[in-house]
Amino acid sequence: MAADTVPMDTFKWIVSGLLATLLVSVGWFLSDMRADLRDMRKEVTAMRVEAAASNMRLEGLLEQRRKGSP
């Protein structure tokens, strides 16, 4: 029995196409993750700024209360 085989050039084209598709998919996925991480970093930075401002206001209020108390 003679087995039907795929020509090597066709095999290389198929494997190259699948690898290229895999590479593009992984690149797209990593790019999307980077964008999400960048957005999260911006949100965390905004929270830190808000927390620092709140701490400053609280310290000011506490200082005022200490000065007002005998």
PDB file of N, CA and C in Angstrom:
ATOM      1  N   MET A   1       0.831  -1.176   0.000  1.00  0.00           N
ATOM      2  CA  MET A   1       0.000   0.000   0.000  1.00  0.00           C
ATOM      3  C   MET A   1       0.878   1.244   0.000  1.00  0.00           C
ATOM      4  N   ALA A   2       0.628   2.073  -0.918  1.00  0.00           N
ATOM      5  CA  ALA A   2       1.353   3.339  -0.997  1.00  0.00           C
ATOM      6  C   ALA A   2       0.572   4.385  -0.206  1.00  0.00           C
ATOM      7  N   ALA A   3       1.241   4.992   0.746  1.00  0.00           N
ATOM      8  CA  ALA A   3       0.583   6.012   1.568  1.00  0.00           C
ATOM      9  C   ALA A   3       0.653   7.352   0.856  1.00  0.00           C
ATOM     10  N   ASP A   4      -0.466   8.078   0.894  1.00  0.00           N
ATOM     11  CA  ASP A   4      -0.474   9.422   0.308  1.00  0.00           C
ATOM     12  C   ASP A   4       0.229  10.368   1.282  1.00  0.00           C
ATOM     13  N   THR A   5       1.176  11.094   0.783  1.00  0.00           N
ATOM     14  CA  THR A   5       1.926  12.007   1.637  1.00  0.00           C
ATOM     15  C   THR A   5       1.715  13.436   1.167  1.00  0.00           C
ATOM     16  N   VAL A   6       1.912  14.340   2.088  1.00  0.00           N
ATOM     17  CA  VAL A   6       1.820  15.756   1.770  1.00  0.00           C
ATOM     18  C   VAL A   6       3.201  16.221   1.352  1.00  0.00           C
ATOM     19  N   PRO A   7       3.302  16.967   0.269  1.00  0.00           N
ATOM     20  CA  PRO A   7       4.616  17.474  -0.134  1.00  0.00           C
ATOM     21  C   PRO A   7       5.233  18.340   0.966  1.00  0.00           C
ATOM     22  N   MET A   8       6.539  18.282   1.085  1.00  0.00           N
ATOM     23  CA  MET A   8       7.237  18.997   2.143  1.00  0.00           C
ATOM     24  C   MET A   8       6.991  20.500   2.065  1.00  0.00           C
ATOM     25  N   ASP A   9       6.934  21.077   0.871  1.00  0.00           N
ATOM     26  CA  ASP A   9       6.676  22.515   0.736  1.00  0.00           C
ATOM     27  C   ASP A   9       5.313  22.882   1.304  1.00  0.00           C
ATOM     28  N   THR A  10       4.312  22.067   1.027  1.00  0.00           N
ATOM     29  CA  THR A  10       2.966  22.315   1.560  1.00  0.00           C
ATOM     30  C   THR A  10       2.977  22.207   3.081  1.00  0.00           C
ATOM     31  N   PHE A  11       3.662  21.227   3.597  1.00  0.00           N
ATOM     32  CA  PHE A  11       3.773  21.043   5.038  1.00  0.00           C
ATOM     33  C   PHE A  11       4.429  22.266   5.683  1.00  0.00           C
ATOM     34  N   LYS A  12       5.512  22.751   5.087  1.00  0.00           N
ATOM     35  CA  LYS A  12       6.198  23.924   5.618  1.00  0.00           C
ATOM     36  C   LYS A  12       5.290  25.150   5.601  1.00  0.00           C
ATOM     37  N   TRP A  13       4.512  25.327   4.541  1.00  0.00           N
ATOM     38  CA  TRP A  13       3.593  26.470   4.460  1.00  0.00           C
ATOM     39  C   TRP A  13       2.532  26.388   5.556  1.00  0.00           C
ATOM     40  N   ILE A  14       2.012  25.194   5.773  1.00  0.00           N
ATOM     41  CA  ILE A  14       0.971  25.021   6.797  1.00  0.00           C
ATOM     42  C   ILE A  14       1.541  25.287   8.188  1.00  0.00           C
ATOM     43  N   VAL A  15       2.687  24.686   8.491  1.00  0.00           N
ATOM     44  CA  VAL A  15       3.291  24.872   9.802  1.00  0.00           C
ATOM     45  C   VAL A  15       3.691  26.334  10.012  1.00  0.00           C
ATOM     46  N   SER A  16       4.259  26.960   8.994  1.00  0.00           N
ATOM     47  CA  SER A  16       4.642  28.369   9.099  1.00  0.00           C
ATOM     48  C   SER A  16       3.412  29.244   9.334  1.00  0.00           C
ATOM     49  N   GLY A  17       2.336  28.968   8.646  1.00  0.00           N
ATOM     50  CA  GLY A  17       1.101  29.732   8.834  1.00  0.00           C
ATOM     51  C   GLY A  17       0.540  29.574  10.229  1.00  0.00           C
ATOM     52  N   LEU A  18       0.554  28.335  10.742  1.00  0.00           N
ATOM     53  CA  LEU A  18       0.050  28.101  12.097  1.00  0.00           C
ATOM     54  C   LEU A  18       0.926  28.783  13.148  1.00  0.00           C
ATOM     55  N   LEU A  19       2.241  28.700  12.967  1.00  0.00           N
ATOM     56  CA  LEU A  19       3.139  29.365  13.909  1.00  0.00           C
ATOM     57  C   LEU A  19       2.985  30.887  13.856  1.00  0.00           C
ATOM     58  N   ALA A  20       2.827  31.435  12.667  1.00  0.00           N
ATOM     59  CA  ALA A  20       2.627  32.880  12.540  1.00  0.00           C
ATOM     60  C   ALA A  20       1.319  33.300  13.210  1.00  0.00           C
ATOM     61  N   THR A  21       0.266  32.516  13.030  1.00  0.00           N
ATOM     62  CA  THR A  21      -1.010  32.815  13.667  1.00  0.00           C
ATOM     63  C   THR A  21      -0.882  32.749  15.183  1.00  0.00           C
ATOM     64  N   LEU A  22      -0.177  31.753  15.677  1.00  0.00           N
ATOM     65  CA  LEU A  22       0.046  31.623  17.108  1.00  0.00           C
ATOM     66  C   LEU A  22       0.842  32.813  17.642  1.00  0.00           C
ATOM     67  N   LEU A  23       1.868  33.210  16.937  1.00  0.00           N
ATOM     68  CA  LEU A  23       2.701  34.336  17.344  1.00  0.00           C
ATOM     69  C   LEU A  23       1.904  35.634  17.378  1.00  0.00           C
ATOM     70  N   VAL A  24       1.094  35.869  16.369  1.00  0.00           N
ATOM     71  CA  VAL A  24       0.261  37.077  16.330  1.00  0.00           C
ATOM     72  C   VAL A  24      -0.747  37.058  17.474  1.00  0.00           C
ATOM     73  N   SER A  25      -1.338  35.915  17.741  1.00  0.00           N
ATOM     74  CA  SER A  25      -2.318  35.805  18.828  1.00  0.00           C
ATOM     75  C   SER A  25      -1.676  36.073  20.183  1.00  0.00           C
ATOM     76  N   VAL A  26      -0.524  35.506  20.427  1.00  0.00           N
ATOM     77  CA  VAL A  26       0.180  35.730  21.698  1.00  0.00           C
ATOM     78  C   VAL A  26       0.590  37.193  21.813  1.00  0.00           C
ATOM     79  N   GLY A  27       1.072  37.778  20.747  1.00  0.00           N
ATOM     80  CA  GLY A  27       1.437  39.200  20.754  1.00  0.00           C
ATOM     81  C   GLY A  27       0.246  40.086  21.046  1.00  0.00           C
ATOM     82  N   TRP A  28      -0.882  39.795  20.435  1.00  0.00           N
ATOM     83  CA  TRP A  28      -2.103  40.570  20.674  1.00  0.00           C
ATOM     84  C   TRP A  28      -2.536  40.441  22.129  1.00  0.00           C
ATOM     85  N   PHE A  29      -2.485  39.215  22.664  1.00  0.00           N
ATOM     86  CA  PHE A  29      -2.879  38.965  24.046  1.00  0.00           C
ATOM     87  C   PHE A  29      -1.977  39.726  25.014  1.00  0.00           C
ATOM     88  N   LEU A  30      -0.656  39.678  24.788  1.00  0.00           N
ATOM     89  CA  LEU A  30       0.282  40.382  25.658  1.00  0.00           C
ATOM     90  C   LEU A  30       0.118  41.893  25.548  1.00  0.00           C
ATOM     91  N   SER A  31      -0.154  42.379  24.364  1.00  0.00           N
ATOM     92  CA  SER A  31      -0.379  43.813  24.178  1.00  0.00           C
ATOM     93  C   SER A  31      -1.615  44.265  24.946  1.00  0.00           C
ATOM     94  N   ASP A  32      -2.661  43.467  24.903  1.00  0.00           N
ATOM     95  CA  ASP A  32      -3.891  43.778  25.630  1.00  0.00           C
ATOM     96  C   ASP A  32      -3.635  43.770  27.133  1.00  0.00           C
ATOM     97  N   MET A  33      -2.848  42.804  27.600  1.00  0.00           N
ATOM     98  CA  MET A  33      -2.519  42.739  29.023  1.00  0.00           C
ATOM     99  C   MET A  33      -1.707  43.958  29.448  1.00  0.00           C
ATOM    100  N   ARG A  34      -0.780  44.387  28.603  1.00  0.00           N
ATOM    101  CA  ARG A  34       0.020  45.576  28.909  1.00  0.00           C
ATOM    102  C   ARG A  34      -0.849  46.812  29.031  1.00  0.00           C
ATOM    103  N   ALA A  35      -1.810  46.943  28.134  1.00  0.00           N
ATOM    104  CA  ALA A  35      -2.718  48.093  28.194  1.00  0.00           C
ATOM    105  C   ALA A  35      -3.531  48.060  29.483  1.00  0.00           C
ATOM    106  N   ASP A  36      -4.001  46.882  29.869  1.00  0.00           N
ATOM    107  CA  ASP A  36      -4.763  46.758  31.115  1.00  0.00           C
ATOM    108  C   ASP A  36      -3.897  47.103  32.323  1.00  0.00           C
ATOM    109  N   LEU A  37      -2.659  46.634  32.332  1.00  0.00           N
ATOM    110  CA  LEU A  37      -1.749  46.942  33.441  1.00  0.00           C
ATOM    111  C   LEU A  37      -1.442  48.432  33.508  1.00  0.00           C
ATOM    112  N   ARG A  38      -1.308  49.062  32.352  1.00  0.00           N
ATOM    113  CA  ARG A  38      -1.051  50.500  32.312  1.00  0.00           C
ATOM    114  C   ARG A  38      -2.236  51.265  32.905  1.00  0.00           C
ATOM    115  N   ASP A  39      -3.457  50.836  32.562  1.00  0.00           N
ATOM    116  CA  ASP A  39      -4.650  51.474  33.118  1.00  0.00           C
ATOM    117  C   ASP A  39      -4.730  51.269  34.625  1.00  0.00           C
ATOM    118  N   MET A  40      -4.410  50.070  35.076  1.00  0.00           N
ATOM    119  CA  MET A  40      -4.438  49.801  36.514  1.00  0.00           C
ATOM    120  C   MET A  40      -3.401  50.647  37.249  1.00  0.00           C
ATOM    121  N   ARG A  41      -2.230  50.803  36.653  1.00  0.00           N
ATOM    122  CA  ARG A  41      -1.186  51.610  37.277  1.00  0.00           C
ATOM    123  C   ARG A  41      -1.655  53.061  37.419  1.00  0.00           C
ATOM    124  N   LYS A  42      -2.341  53.582  36.409  1.00  0.00           N
ATOM    125  CA  LYS A  42      -2.863  54.945  36.486  1.00  0.00           C
ATOM    126  C   LYS A  42      -3.893  55.066  37.598  1.00  0.00           C
ATOM    127  N   GLU A  43      -4.756  54.064  37.718  1.00  0.00           N
ATOM    128  CA  GLU A  43      -5.770  54.095  38.771  1.00  0.00           C
ATOM    129  C   GLU A  43      -5.133  54.028  40.159  1.00  0.00           C
ATOM    130  N   VAL A  44      -4.127  53.184  40.322  1.00  0.00           N
ATOM    131  CA  VAL A  44      -3.446  53.073  41.615  1.00  0.00           C
ATOM    132  C   VAL A  44      -2.747  54.385  41.955  1.00  0.00           C
ATOM    133  N   THR A  45      -2.140  55.016  40.968  1.00  0.00           N
ATOM    134  CA  THR A  45      -1.482  56.295  41.198  1.00  0.00           C
ATOM    135  C   THR A  45      -2.500  57.345  41.635  1.00  0.00           C
ATOM    136  N   ALA A  46      -3.658  57.361  40.992  1.00  0.00           N
ATOM    137  CA  ALA A  46      -4.713  58.308  41.378  1.00  0.00           C
ATOM    138  C   ALA A  46      -5.177  58.032  42.803  1.00  0.00           C
ATOM    139  N   MET A  47      -5.300  56.771  43.186  1.00  0.00           N
ATOM    140  CA  MET A  47      -5.704  56.438  44.554  1.00  0.00           C
ATOM    141  C   MET A  47      -4.659  56.894  45.565  1.00  0.00           C
ATOM    142  N   ARG A  48      -3.384  56.743  45.219  1.00  0.00           N
ATOM    143  CA  ARG A  48      -2.320  57.183  46.125  1.00  0.00           C
ATOM    144  C   ARG A  48      -2.362  58.685  46.317  1.00  0.00           C
ATOM    145  N   VAL A  49      -2.606  59.420  45.232  1.00  0.00           N
ATOM    146  CA  VAL A  49      -2.684  60.874  45.327  1.00  0.00           C
ATOM    147  C   VAL A  49      -3.868  61.273  46.201  1.00  0.00           C
ATOM    148  N   GLU A  50      -5.006  60.622  46.006  1.00  0.00           N
ATOM    149  CA  GLU A  50      -6.180  60.914  46.824  1.00  0.00           C
ATOM    150  C   GLU A  50      -5.930  60.586  48.296  1.00  0.00           C
ATOM    151  N   ALA A  51      -5.270  59.468  48.554  1.00  0.00           N
ATOM    152  CA  ALA A  51      -4.970  59.081  49.934  1.00  0.00           C
ATOM    153  C   ALA A  51      -4.031  60.090  50.578  1.00  0.00           C
ATOM    154  N   ALA A  52      -3.042  60.554  49.838  1.00  0.00           N
ATOM    155  CA  ALA A  52      -2.105  61.538  50.382  1.00  0.00           C
ATOM    156  C   ALA A  52      -2.832  62.851  50.692  1.00  0.00           C
ATOM    157  N   ALA A  53      -3.740  63.267  49.798  1.00  0.00           N
ATOM    158  CA  ALA A  53      -4.499  64.497  50.043  1.00  0.00           C
ATOM    159  C   ALA A  53      -5.406  64.334  51.261  1.00  0.00           C
ATOM    160  N   SER A  54      -6.024  63.182  51.386  1.00  0.00           N
ATOM    161  CA  SER A  54      -6.888  62.926  52.550  1.00  0.00           C
ATOM    162  C   SER A  54      -6.077  62.929  53.836  1.00  0.00           C
ATOM    163  N   ASN A  55      -4.903  62.334  53.805  1.00  0.00           N
ATOM    164  CA  ASN A  55      -4.033  62.333  54.995  1.00  0.00           C
ATOM    165  C   ASN A  55      -3.633  63.749  55.380  1.00  0.00           C
ATOM    166  N   MET A  56      -3.329  64.572  54.388  1.00  0.00           N
ATOM    167  CA  MET A  56      -2.960  65.962  54.680  1.00  0.00           C
ATOM    168  C   MET A  56      -4.130  66.713  55.306  1.00  0.00           C
ATOM    169  N   ARG A  57      -5.328  66.527  54.774  1.00  0.00           N
ATOM    170  CA  ARG A  57      -6.508  67.188  55.355  1.00  0.00           C
ATOM    171  C   ARG A  57      -6.752  66.696  56.774  1.00  0.00           C
ATOM    172  N   LEU A  58      -6.621  65.389  56.985  1.00  0.00           N
ATOM    173  CA  LEU A  58      -6.835  64.823  58.328  1.00  0.00           C
ATOM    174  C   LEU A  58      -5.811  65.369  59.311  1.00  0.00           C
ATOM    175  N   GLU A  59      -4.556  65.444  58.883  1.00  0.00           N
ATOM    176  CA  GLU A  59      -3.524  66.000  59.763  1.00  0.00           C
ATOM    177  C   GLU A  59      -3.823  67.452  60.097  1.00  0.00           C
ATOM    178  N   GLY A  60      -4.305  68.200  59.111  1.00  0.00           N
ATOM    179  CA  GLY A  60      -4.667  69.594  59.353  1.00  0.00           C
ATOM    180  C   GLY A  60      -5.815  69.707  60.354  1.00  0.00           C
ATOM    181  N   LEU A  61      -6.832  68.870  60.209  1.00  0.00           N
ATOM    182  CA  LEU A  61      -7.964  68.889  61.138  1.00  0.00           C
ATOM    183  C   LEU A  61      -7.531  68.492  62.543  1.00  0.00           C
ATOM    184  N   LEU A  62      -6.681  67.487  62.628  1.00  0.00           N
ATOM    185  CA  LEU A  62      -6.192  67.060  63.946  1.00  0.00           C
ATOM    186  C   LEU A  62      -5.355  68.150  64.592  1.00  0.00           C
ATOM    187  N   GLU A  63      -4.559  68.833  63.806  1.00  0.00           N
ATOM    188  CA  GLU A  63      -3.731  69.927  64.337  1.00  0.00           C
ATOM    189  C   GLU A  63      -4.617  71.064  64.833  1.00  0.00           C
ATOM    190  N   GLN A  64      -5.658  71.387  64.064  1.00  0.00           N
ATOM    191  CA  GLN A  64      -6.587  72.431  64.491  1.00  0.00           C
ATOM    192  C   GLN A  64      -7.266  72.040  65.812  1.00  0.00           C
ATOM    193  N   ARG A  65      -7.642  70.798  65.924  1.00  0.00           N
ATOM    194  CA  ARG A  65      -8.327  70.342  67.142  1.00  0.00           C
ATOM    195  C   ARG A  65      -7.370  70.402  68.343  1.00  0.00           C
ATOM    196  N   ARG A  66      -6.116  70.011  68.104  1.00  0.00           N
ATOM    197  CA  ARG A  66      -5.145  70.075  69.199  1.00  0.00           C
ATOM    198  C   ARG A  66      -4.917  71.514  69.655  1.00  0.00           C
ATOM    199  N   LYS A  67      -4.847  72.447  68.707  1.00  0.00           N
ATOM    200  CA  LYS A  67      -4.633  73.856  69.048  1.00  0.00           C
ATOM    201  C   LYS A  67      -5.856  74.428  69.760  1.00  0.00           C
ATOM    202  N   GLY A  68      -7.034  73.975  69.394  1.00  0.00           N
ATOM    203  CA  GLY A  68      -8.266  74.472  69.994  1.00  0.00           C
ATOM    204  C   GLY A  68      -8.489  73.919  71.392  1.00  0.00           C
ATOM    205  N   SER A  69      -7.941  72.766  71.699  1.00  0.00           N
ATOM    206  CA  SER A  69      -8.117  72.168  73.025  1.00  0.00           C
ATOM    207  C   SER A  69      -7.145  72.793  74.007  1.00  0.00           C
ATOM    208  N   PRO A  70      -7.583  72.983  75.298  1.00  0.00           N
ATOM    209  CA  PRO A  70      -6.679  73.589  76.292  1.00  0.00           C
ATOM    210  C   PRO A  70      -5.604  72.668  76.760  1.00  0.00           C
TER     211      PRO A  70
END
